[in-house]
Amino acid sequence: MHDLRTEFFEEGKHLDAEGDPEANCHICRGRIDYDAGAGTTPESHNLDHYYPVSTHPELQEDWDNFRHAHTLCNQTRGAGAIDGGGLGEPLPDWW
C-alpha cells in the first residue's frame, strides 16, 4: 500500500504541475499543496478512499477508489459520505 500511496501522490503532483483540476481536493475542490510532504499539513496531499475502507475493505488497494484530498478535508470527512457541503452541484470553472 505504501508504494500505491507514493505512486498516487506522484500522479497528483504531475497533474497539478499541468494545471489539471483532477489534482485538486475532490471534497472541497481546492488546490492541494504538493510541495509539502504528504499528510504533513492541513493543505497537503492525502489519499482518500471514495468508498471508505471501513465499509469496503476489498477496495483498499483499488486505484479506482483513490481520490486526491487535503489532509484536513479527509480527516474531517472520516468515513462519512461526500455531500458537497449541501451546496448542490459545483459549476464548471468556465461558468
PDB file of N, CA and C in Angstrom:
ATOM      1  N   MET A   1       0.831  -1.191   0.000  1.00  0.00           N
ATOM      2  CA  MET A   1       0.000   0.000   0.000  1.00  0.00           C
ATOM      3  C   MET A   1       0.879   1.260   0.000  1.00  0.00           C
ATOM      4  N   HIS A   2       2.036   1.175   0.637  1.00  0.00           N
ATOM      5  CA  HIS A   2       2.945   2.328   0.660  1.00  0.00           C
ATOM      6  C   HIS A   2       3.336   2.746  -0.759  1.00  0.00           C
ATOM      7  N   ASP A   3       3.667   1.762  -1.585  1.00  0.00           N
ATOM      8  CA  ASP A   3       4.052   2.061  -2.971  1.00  0.00           C
ATOM      9  C   ASP A   3       2.889   2.675  -3.744  1.00  0.00           C
ATOM     10  N   LEU A   4       1.673   2.184  -3.519  1.00  0.00           N
ATOM     11  CA  LEU A   4       0.494   2.749  -4.183  1.00  0.00           C
ATOM     12  C   LEU A   4       0.273   4.195  -3.758  1.00  0.00           C
ATOM     13  N   ARG A   5       0.417   4.471  -2.454  1.00  0.00           N
ATOM     14  CA  ARG A   5       0.256   5.843  -1.959  1.00  0.00           C
ATOM     15  C   ARG A   5       1.269   6.781  -2.608  1.00  0.00           C
ATOM     16  N   THR A   6       2.517   6.325  -2.680  1.00  0.00           N
ATOM     17  CA  THR A   6       3.572   7.138  -3.285  1.00  0.00           C
ATOM     18  C   THR A   6       3.285   7.387  -4.758  1.00  0.00           C
ATOM     19  N   GLU A   7       2.901   6.352  -5.457  1.00  0.00           N
ATOM     20  CA  GLU A   7       2.593   6.476  -6.887  1.00  0.00           C
ATOM     21  C   GLU A   7       1.401   7.418  -7.115  1.00  0.00           C
ATOM     22  N   PHE A   8       0.388   7.325  -6.265  1.00  0.00           N
ATOM     23  CA  PHE A   8      -0.788   8.174  -6.406  1.00  0.00           C
ATOM     24  C   PHE A   8      -0.442   9.632  -6.109  1.00  0.00           C
ATOM     25  N   PHE A   9       0.397   9.866  -5.090  1.00  0.00           N
ATOM     26  CA  PHE A   9       0.870  11.215  -4.778  1.00  0.00           C
ATOM     27  C   PHE A   9       1.617  11.796  -5.974  1.00  0.00           C
ATOM     28  N   GLU A  10       2.519  11.013  -6.563  1.00  0.00           N
ATOM     29  CA  GLU A  10       3.299  11.485  -7.715  1.00  0.00           C
ATOM     30  C   GLU A  10       2.386  11.794  -8.898  1.00  0.00           C
ATOM     31  N   GLU A  11       1.346  10.989  -9.095  1.00  0.00           N
ATOM     32  CA  GLU A  11       0.390  11.269 -10.167  1.00  0.00           C
ATOM     33  C   GLU A  11      -0.287  12.619  -9.918  1.00  0.00           C
ATOM     34  N   GLY A  12      -0.716  12.860  -8.694  1.00  0.00           N
ATOM     35  CA  GLY A  12      -1.358  14.129  -8.359  1.00  0.00           C
ATOM     36  C   GLY A  12      -0.426  15.308  -8.541  1.00  0.00           C
ATOM     37  N   LYS A  13       0.819  15.149  -8.130  1.00  0.00           N
ATOM     38  CA  LYS A  13       1.810  16.214  -8.285  1.00  0.00           C
ATOM     39  C   LYS A  13       2.012  16.540  -9.759  1.00  0.00           C
ATOM     40  N   HIS A  14       2.068  15.507 -10.592  1.00  0.00           N
ATOM     41  CA  HIS A  14       2.228  15.686 -12.039  1.00  0.00           C
ATOM     42  C   HIS A  14       1.001  16.405 -12.627  1.00  0.00           C
ATOM     43  N   LEU A  15      -0.193  15.975 -12.243  1.00  0.00           N
ATOM     44  CA  LEU A  15      -1.418  16.620 -12.730  1.00  0.00           C
ATOM     45  C   LEU A  15      -1.477  18.081 -12.294  1.00  0.00           C
ATOM     46  N   ASP A  16      -1.055  18.343 -11.055  1.00  0.00           N
ATOM     47  CA  ASP A  16      -1.050  19.716 -10.537  1.00  0.00           C
ATOM     48  C   ASP A  16      -0.102  20.594 -11.344  1.00  0.00           C
ATOM     49  N   ALA A  17       1.059  20.063 -11.676  1.00  0.00           N
ATOM     50  CA  ALA A  17       2.040  20.825 -12.462  1.00  0.00           C
ATOM     51  C   ALA A  17       1.490  21.180 -13.841  1.00  0.00           C
ATOM     52  N   GLU A  18       0.600  20.340 -14.362  1.00  0.00           N
ATOM     53  CA  GLU A  18      -0.029  20.605 -15.658  1.00  0.00           C
ATOM     54  C   GLU A  18      -1.264  21.494 -15.535  1.00  0.00           C
ATOM     55  N   GLY A  19      -1.656  21.821 -14.300  1.00  0.00           N
ATOM     56  CA  GLY A  19      -2.852  22.641 -14.094  1.00  0.00           C
ATOM     57  C   GLY A  19      -4.147  21.872 -14.213  1.00  0.00           C
ATOM     58  N   ASP A  20      -4.073  20.564 -14.116  1.00  0.00           N
ATOM     59  CA  ASP A  20      -5.259  19.713 -14.244  1.00  0.00           C
ATOM     60  C   ASP A  20      -6.066  19.744 -12.944  1.00  0.00           C
ATOM     61  N   PRO A  21      -7.342  20.113 -13.004  1.00  0.00           N
ATOM     62  CA  PRO A  21      -8.164  20.178 -11.784  1.00  0.00           C
ATOM     63  C   PRO A  21      -8.387  18.822 -11.118  1.00  0.00           C
ATOM     64  N   GLU A  22      -8.057  17.725 -11.803  1.00  0.00           N
ATOM     65  CA  GLU A  22      -8.160  16.392 -11.185  1.00  0.00           C
ATOM     66  C   GLU A  22      -7.183  16.244 -10.021  1.00  0.00           C
ATOM     67  N   ALA A  23      -6.177  17.133  -9.949  1.00  0.00           N
ATOM     68  CA  ALA A  23      -5.204  17.098  -8.850  1.00  0.00           C
ATOM     69  C   ALA A  23      -5.740  17.771  -7.599  1.00  0.00           C
ATOM     70  N   ASN A  24      -6.829  18.502  -7.724  1.00  0.00           N
ATOM     71  CA  ASN A  24      -7.400  19.220  -6.588  1.00  0.00           C
ATOM     72  C   ASN A  24      -8.124  18.274  -5.637  1.00  0.00           C
ATOM     73  N   CYS A  25      -8.406  18.771  -4.456  1.00  0.00           N
ATOM     74  CA  CYS A  25      -9.134  18.006  -3.453  1.00  0.00           C
ATOM     75  C   CYS A  25     -10.526  17.667  -3.974  1.00  0.00           C
ATOM     76  N   HIS A  26     -10.862  16.414  -3.977  1.00  0.00           N
ATOM     77  CA  HIS A  26     -12.167  16.006  -4.504  1.00  0.00           C
ATOM     78  C   HIS A  26     -13.300  16.370  -3.544  1.00  0.00           C
ATOM     79  N   ILE A  27     -12.981  16.739  -2.312  1.00  0.00           N
ATOM     80  CA  ILE A  27     -14.012  17.076  -1.333  1.00  0.00           C
ATOM     81  C   ILE A  27     -14.379  18.554  -1.421  1.00  0.00           C
ATOM     82  N   CYS A  28     -13.375  19.438  -1.344  1.00  0.00           N
ATOM     83  CA  CYS A  28     -13.657  20.883  -1.356  1.00  0.00           C
ATOM     84  C   CYS A  28     -13.323  21.547  -2.683  1.00  0.00           C
ATOM     85  N   ARG A  29     -12.660  20.814  -3.573  1.00  0.00           N
ATOM     86  CA  ARG A  29     -12.247  21.276  -4.900  1.00  0.00           C
ATOM     87  C   ARG A  29     -11.090  22.276  -4.852  1.00  0.00           C
ATOM     88  N   GLY A  30     -10.511  22.500  -3.663  1.00  0.00           N
ATOM     89  CA  GLY A  30      -9.386  23.421  -3.524  1.00  0.00           C
ATOM     90  C   GLY A  30      -8.076  22.797  -3.968  1.00  0.00           C
ATOM     91  N   ARG A  31      -7.113  23.655  -4.272  1.00  0.00           N
ATOM     92  CA  ARG A  31      -5.795  23.201  -4.719  1.00  0.00           C
ATOM     93  C   ARG A  31      -5.026  22.612  -3.544  1.00  0.00           C
ATOM     94  N   ILE A  32      -4.368  21.510  -3.774  1.00  0.00           N
ATOM     95  CA  ILE A  32      -3.580  20.809  -2.764  1.00  0.00           C
ATOM     96  C   ILE A  32      -2.137  21.291  -2.834  1.00  0.00           C
ATOM     97  N   ASP A  33      -1.490  21.436  -1.672  1.00  0.00           N
ATOM     98  CA  ASP A  33      -0.083  21.824  -1.605  1.00  0.00           C
ATOM     99  C   ASP A  33       0.781  20.573  -1.771  1.00  0.00           C
ATOM    100  N   TYR A  34       1.202  20.312  -3.005  1.00  0.00           N
ATOM    101  CA  TYR A  34       2.019  19.137  -3.292  1.00  0.00           C
ATOM    102  C   TYR A  34       3.490  19.347  -2.936  1.00  0.00           C
ATOM    103  N   ASP A  35       3.874  20.588  -2.580  1.00  0.00           N
ATOM    104  CA  ASP A  35       5.256  20.829  -2.159  1.00  0.00           C
ATOM    105  C   ASP A  35       5.473  20.371  -0.717  1.00  0.00           C
ATOM    106  N   ALA A  36       4.419  20.368   0.064  1.00  0.00           N
ATOM    107  CA  ALA A  36       4.504  19.857   1.442  1.00  0.00           C
ATOM    108  C   ALA A  36       4.463  18.334   1.374  1.00  0.00           C
ATOM    109  N   GLY A  37       5.137  17.699   2.274  1.00  0.00           N
ATOM    110  CA  GLY A  37       5.107  16.237   2.316  1.00  0.00           C
ATOM    111  C   GLY A  37       3.687  15.744   2.542  1.00  0.00           C
ATOM    112  N   ALA A  38       3.357  14.634   1.940  1.00  0.00           N
ATOM    113  CA  ALA A  38       2.007  14.078   2.065  1.00  0.00           C
ATOM    114  C   ALA A  38       1.633  13.909   3.538  1.00  0.00           C
ATOM    115  N   GLY A  39       0.479  14.463   3.911  1.00  0.00           N
ATOM    116  CA  GLY A  39      -0.037  14.311   5.269  1.00  0.00           C
ATOM    117  C   GLY A  39       0.656  15.148   6.324  1.00  0.00           C
ATOM    118  N   THR A  40       1.472  16.139   5.930  1.00  0.00           N
ATOM    119  CA  THR A  40       2.238  16.915   6.914  1.00  0.00           C
ATOM    120  C   THR A  40       1.580  18.221   7.331  1.00  0.00           C
ATOM    121  N   THR A  41       0.668  18.743   6.523  1.00  0.00           N
ATOM    122  CA  THR A  41      -0.035  19.988   6.866  1.00  0.00           C
ATOM    123  C   THR A  41      -1.509  19.814   6.489  1.00  0.00           C
ATOM    124  N   PRO A  42      -2.383  20.687   6.983  1.00  0.00           N
ATOM    125  CA  PRO A  42      -3.802  20.572   6.618  1.00  0.00           C
ATOM    126  C   PRO A  42      -4.049  20.661   5.111  1.00  0.00           C
ATOM    127  N   GLU A  43      -3.213  21.402   4.387  1.00  0.00           N
ATOM    128  CA  GLU A  43      -3.400  21.594   2.946  1.00  0.00           C
ATOM    129  C   GLU A  43      -2.625  20.591   2.107  1.00  0.00           C
ATOM    130  N   SER A  44      -1.851  19.716   2.740  1.00  0.00           N
ATOM    131  CA  SER A  44      -1.039  18.756   1.991  1.00  0.00           C
ATOM    132  C   SER A  44      -1.893  17.603   1.474  1.00  0.00           C
ATOM    133  N   HIS A  45      -1.287  16.796   0.635  1.00  0.00           N
ATOM    134  CA  HIS A  45      -1.983  15.691  -0.028  1.00  0.00           C
ATOM    135  C   HIS A  45      -2.264  14.540   0.923  1.00  0.00           C
ATOM    136  N   ASN A  46      -3.428  13.966   0.741  1.00  0.00           N
ATOM    137  CA  ASN A  46      -3.800  12.759   1.468  1.00  0.00           C
ATOM    138  C   ASN A  46      -4.593  11.882   0.520  1.00  0.00           C
ATOM    139  N   LEU A  47      -4.267  10.621   0.456  1.00  0.00           N
ATOM    140  CA  LEU A  47      -5.030   9.695  -0.367  1.00  0.00           C
ATOM    141  C   LEU A  47      -6.334   9.402   0.355  1.00  0.00           C
ATOM    142  N   ASP A  48      -7.438   9.686  -0.289  1.00  0.00           N
ATOM    143  CA  ASP A  48      -8.750   9.401   0.271  1.00  0.00           C
ATOM    144  C   ASP A  48      -9.362   8.242  -0.491  1.00  0.00           C
ATOM    145  N   HIS A  49     -10.043   7.398   0.217  1.00  0.00           N
ATOM    146  CA  HIS A  49     -10.792   6.305  -0.412  1.00  0.00           C
ATOM    147  C   HIS A  49     -12.224   6.793  -0.578  1.00  0.00           C
ATOM    148  N   TYR A  50     -12.703   6.863  -1.811  1.00  0.00           N
ATOM    149  CA  TYR A  50     -14.069   7.322  -2.065  1.00  0.00           C
ATOM    150  C   TYR A  50     -15.069   6.477  -1.283  1.00  0.00           C
ATOM    151  N   TYR A  51     -14.922   5.167  -1.391  1.00  0.00           N
ATOM    152  CA  TYR A  51     -15.700   4.246  -0.553  1.00  0.00           C
ATOM    153  C   TYR A  51     -14.798   3.871   0.613  1.00  0.00           C
ATOM    154  N   PRO A  52     -15.157   4.257   1.832  1.00  0.00           N
ATOM    155  CA  PRO A  52     -14.271   4.046   2.984  1.00  0.00           C
ATOM    156  C   PRO A  52     -13.857   2.587   3.163  1.00  0.00           C
ATOM    157  N   VAL A  53     -12.626   2.408   3.597  1.00  0.00           N
ATOM    158  CA  VAL A  53     -12.087   1.078   3.833  1.00  0.00           C
ATOM    159  C   VAL A  53     -12.874   0.365   4.934  1.00  0.00           C
ATOM    160  N   SER A  54     -13.412   1.143   5.879  1.00  0.00           N
ATOM    161  CA  SER A  54     -14.164   0.523   6.975  1.00  0.00           C
ATOM    162  C   SER A  54     -15.411  -0.205   6.481  1.00  0.00           C
ATOM    163  N   THR A  55     -15.987   0.275   5.384  1.00  0.00           N
ATOM    164  CA  THR A  55     -17.197  -0.360   4.847  1.00  0.00           C
ATOM    165  C   THR A  55     -16.934  -1.162   3.573  1.00  0.00           C
ATOM    166  N   HIS A  56     -15.804  -0.895   2.929  1.00  0.00           N
ATOM    167  CA  HIS A  56     -15.447  -1.582   1.680  1.00  0.00           C
ATOM    168  C   HIS A  56     -13.978  -2.001   1.719  1.00  0.00           C
ATOM    169  N   PRO A  57     -13.594  -2.896   2.632  1.00  0.00           N
ATOM    170  CA  PRO A  57     -12.179  -3.272   2.753  1.00  0.00           C
ATOM    171  C   PRO A  57     -11.598  -3.876   1.481  1.00  0.00           C
ATOM    172  N   GLU A  58     -12.444  -4.450   0.648  1.00  0.00           N
ATOM    173  CA  GLU A  58     -11.965  -5.047  -0.601  1.00  0.00           C
ATOM    174  C   GLU A  58     -11.461  -3.995  -1.590  1.00  0.00           C
ATOM    175  N   LEU A  59     -11.783  -2.717  -1.354  1.00  0.00           N
ATOM    176  CA  LEU A  59     -11.370  -1.637  -2.254  1.00  0.00           C
ATOM    177  C   LEU A  59     -10.170  -0.848  -1.738  1.00  0.00           C
ATOM    178  N   GLN A  60      -9.561  -1.312  -0.653  1.00  0.00           N
ATOM    179  CA  GLN A  60      -8.453  -0.571  -0.049  1.00  0.00           C
ATOM    180  C   GLN A  60      -7.313  -0.315  -1.028  1.00  0.00           C
ATOM    181  N   GLU A  61      -6.988  -1.274  -1.865  1.00  0.00           N
ATOM    182  CA  GLU A  61      -5.877  -1.124  -2.803  1.00  0.00           C
ATOM    183  C   GLU A  61      -6.349  -0.979  -4.246  1.00  0.00           C
ATOM    184  N   ASP A  62      -7.590  -0.550  -4.412  1.00  0.00           N
ATOM    185  CA  ASP A  62      -8.174  -0.367  -5.746  1.00  0.00           C
ATOM    186  C   ASP A  62      -7.965   1.083  -6.187  1.00  0.00           C
ATOM    187  N   TRP A  63      -7.113   1.265  -7.199  1.00  0.00           N
ATOM    188  CA  TRP A  63      -6.757   2.615  -7.690  1.00  0.00           C
ATOM    189  C   TRP A  63      -8.005   3.422  -8.049  1.00  0.00           C
ATOM    190  N   ASP A  64      -9.037   2.766  -8.570  1.00  0.00           N
ATOM    191  CA  ASP A  64     -10.262   3.462  -8.960  1.00  0.00           C
ATOM    192  C   ASP A  64     -11.021   4.017  -7.755  1.00  0.00           C
ATOM    193  N   ASN A  65     -10.686   3.574  -6.563  1.00  0.00           N
ATOM    194  CA  ASN A  65     -11.318   4.066  -5.346  1.00  0.00           C
ATOM    195  C   ASN A  65     -10.511   5.199  -4.706  1.00  0.00           C
ATOM    196  N   PHE A  66      -9.335   5.515  -5.243  1.00  0.00           N
ATOM    197  CA  PHE A  66      -8.477   6.564  -4.696  1.00  0.00           C
ATOM    198  C   PHE A  66      -8.928   7.938  -5.192  1.00  0.00           C
ATOM    199  N   ARG A  67      -8.837   8.917  -4.314  1.00  0.00           N
ATOM    200  CA  ARG A  67      -9.105  10.306  -4.672  1.00  0.00           C
ATOM    201  C   ARG A  67      -8.051  11.181  -3.996  1.00  0.00           C
ATOM    202  N   HIS A  68      -7.692  12.273  -4.668  1.00  0.00           N
ATOM    203  CA  HIS A  68      -6.784  13.259  -4.090  1.00  0.00           C
ATOM    204  C   HIS A  68      -7.599  14.123  -3.129  1.00  0.00           C
ATOM    205  N   ALA A  69      -7.039  14.377  -1.958  1.00  0.00           N
ATOM    206  CA  ALA A  69      -7.740  15.193  -0.967  1.00  0.00           C
ATOM    207  C   ALA A  69      -6.733  15.946  -0.111  1.00  0.00           C
ATOM    208  N   HIS A  70      -7.203  17.034   0.507  1.00  0.00           N
ATOM    209  CA  HIS A  70      -6.409  17.695   1.545  1.00  0.00           C
ATOM    210  C   HIS A  70      -6.402  16.788   2.767  1.00  0.00           C
ATOM    211  N   THR A  71      -5.346  16.834   3.520  1.00  0.00           N
ATOM    212  CA  THR A  71      -5.280  16.061   4.759  1.00  0.00           C
ATOM    213  C   THR A  71      -6.428  16.430   5.684  1.00  0.00           C
ATOM    214  N   LEU A  72      -6.682  17.748   5.867  1.00  0.00           N
ATOM    215  CA  LEU A  72      -7.754  18.184   6.767  1.00  0.00           C
ATOM    216  C   LEU A  72      -9.129  17.764   6.260  1.00  0.00           C
ATOM    217  N   CYS A  73      -9.374  17.897   4.964  1.00  0.00           N
ATOM    218  CA  CYS A  73     -10.677  17.500   4.406  1.00  0.00           C
ATOM    219  C   CYS A  73     -10.924  16.012   4.625  1.00  0.00           C
ATOM    220  N   ASN A  74      -9.895  15.203   4.394  1.00  0.00           N
ATOM    221  CA  ASN A  74     -10.032  13.763   4.555  1.00  0.00           C
ATOM    222  C   ASN A  74     -10.266  13.407   6.027  1.00  0.00           C
ATOM    223  N   GLN A  75      -9.533  14.058   6.922  1.00  0.00           N
ATOM    224  CA  GLN A  75      -9.711  13.783   8.350  1.00  0.00           C
ATOM    225  C   GLN A  75     -11.094  14.218   8.823  1.00  0.00           C
ATOM    226  N   THR A  76     -11.569  15.355   8.326  1.00  0.00           N
ATOM    227  CA  THR A  76     -12.883  15.857   8.717  1.00  0.00           C
ATOM    228  C   THR A  76     -13.984  14.956   8.187  1.00  0.00           C
ATOM    229  N   ARG A  77     -13.821  14.484   6.972  1.00  0.00           N
ATOM    230  CA  ARG A  77     -14.812  13.590   6.374  1.00  0.00           C
ATOM    231  C   ARG A  77     -14.878  12.268   7.116  1.00  0.00           C
ATOM    232  N   GLY A  78     -13.725  11.737   7.499  1.00  0.00           N
ATOM    233  CA  GLY A  78     -13.692  10.423   8.132  1.00  0.00           C
ATOM    234  C   GLY A  78     -14.258   9.381   7.193  1.00  0.00           C
ATOM    235  N   ALA A  79     -15.168   8.558   7.672  1.00  0.00           N
ATOM    236  CA  ALA A  79     -15.797   7.523   6.846  1.00  0.00           C
ATOM    237  C   ALA A  79     -17.168   7.961   6.371  1.00  0.00           C
ATOM    238  N   GLY A  80     -17.464   9.260   6.510  1.00  0.00           N
ATOM    239  CA  GLY A  80     -18.774   9.764   6.103  1.00  0.00           C
ATOM    240  C   GLY A  80     -18.909   9.916   4.600  1.00  0.00           C
ATOM    241  N   ALA A  81     -20.133  10.131   4.185  1.00  0.00           N
ATOM    242  CA  ALA A  81     -20.428  10.333   2.761  1.00  0.00           C
ATOM    243  C   ALA A  81     -19.999  11.728   2.332  1.00  0.00           C
ATOM    244  N   ILE A  82     -19.731  11.874   1.059  1.00  0.00           N
ATOM    245  CA  ILE A  82     -19.387  13.180   0.495  1.00  0.00           C
ATOM    246  C   ILE A  82     -20.655  13.791  -0.060  1.00  0.00           C
ATOM    247  N   ASP A  83     -21.021  14.952   0.477  1.00  0.00           N
ATOM    248  CA  ASP A  83     -22.262  15.573   0.033  1.00  0.00           C
ATOM    249  C   ASP A  83     -22.045  16.931  -0.605  1.00  0.00           C
ATOM    250  N   GLY A  84     -20.788  17.338  -0.768  1.00  0.00           N
ATOM    251  CA  GLY A  84     -20.510  18.636  -1.383  1.00  0.00           C
ATOM    252  C   GLY A  84     -20.859  19.805  -0.486  1.00  0.00           C
ATOM    253  N   GLY A  85     -21.019  19.573   0.816  1.00  0.00           N
ATOM    254  CA  GLY A  85     -21.308  20.653   1.746  1.00  0.00           C
ATOM    255  C   GLY A  85     -22.736  21.140   1.685  1.00  0.00           C
ATOM    256  N   GLY A  86     -23.622  20.422   1.004  1.00  0.00           N
ATOM    257  CA  GLY A  86     -25.013  20.831   0.929  1.00  0.00           C
ATOM    258  C   GLY A  86     -25.262  21.992  -0.010  1.00  0.00           C
ATOM    259  N   LEU A  87     -24.301  22.317  -0.841  1.00  0.00           N
ATOM    260  CA  LEU A  87     -24.430  23.478  -1.714  1.00  0.00           C
ATOM    261  C   LEU A  87     -24.867  23.116  -3.124  1.00  0.00           C
ATOM    262  N   GLY A  88     -25.184  21.876  -3.388  1.00  0.00           N
ATOM    263  CA  GLY A  88     -25.588  21.472  -4.724  1.00  0.00           C
ATOM    264  C   GLY A  88     -24.389  21.093  -5.564  1.00  0.00           C
ATOM    265  N   GLU A  89     -24.600  20.972  -6.851  1.00  0.00           N
ATOM    266  CA  GLU A  89     -23.536  20.571  -7.768  1.00  0.00           C
ATOM    267  C   GLU A  89     -22.615  21.753  -8.060  1.00  0.00           C
ATOM    268  N   PRO A  90     -21.294  21.531  -8.039  1.00  0.00           N
ATOM    269  CA  PRO A  90     -20.383  22.623  -8.378  1.00  0.00           C
ATOM    270  C   PRO A  90     -20.494  22.978  -9.857  1.00  0.00           C
ATOM    271  N   LEU A  91     -20.313  24.257 -10.152  1.00  0.00           N
ATOM    272  CA  LEU A  91     -20.334  24.725 -11.534  1.00  0.00           C
ATOM    273  C   LEU A  91     -18.971  24.550 -12.161  1.00  0.00           C
ATOM    274  N   PRO A  92     -18.913  24.339 -13.456  1.00  0.00           N
ATOM    275  CA  PRO A  92     -17.612  24.251 -14.117  1.00  0.00           C
ATOM    276  C   PRO A  92     -16.869  25.589 -13.994  1.00  0.00           C
ATOM    277  N   ASP A  93     -15.517  25.542 -14.063  1.00  0.00           N
ATOM    278  CA  ASP A  93     -14.698  26.763 -13.929  1.00  0.00           C
ATOM    279  C   ASP A  93     -15.059  27.805 -14.989  1.00  0.00           C
ATOM    280  N   TRP A  94     -15.488  27.357 -16.167  1.00  0.00           N
ATOM    281  CA  TRP A  94     -15.760  28.309 -17.250  1.00  0.00           C
ATOM    282  C   TRP A  94     -17.083  29.039 -17.058  1.00  0.00           C
ATOM    283  N   TRP A  95     -17.928  28.614 -16.126  1.00  0.00           N
ATOM    284  CA  TRP A  95     -19.265  29.187 -15.971  1.00  0.00           C
ATOM    285  C   TRP A  95     -19.191  30.582 -15.543  1.00  0.00           C
TER     286      TRP A  95
END
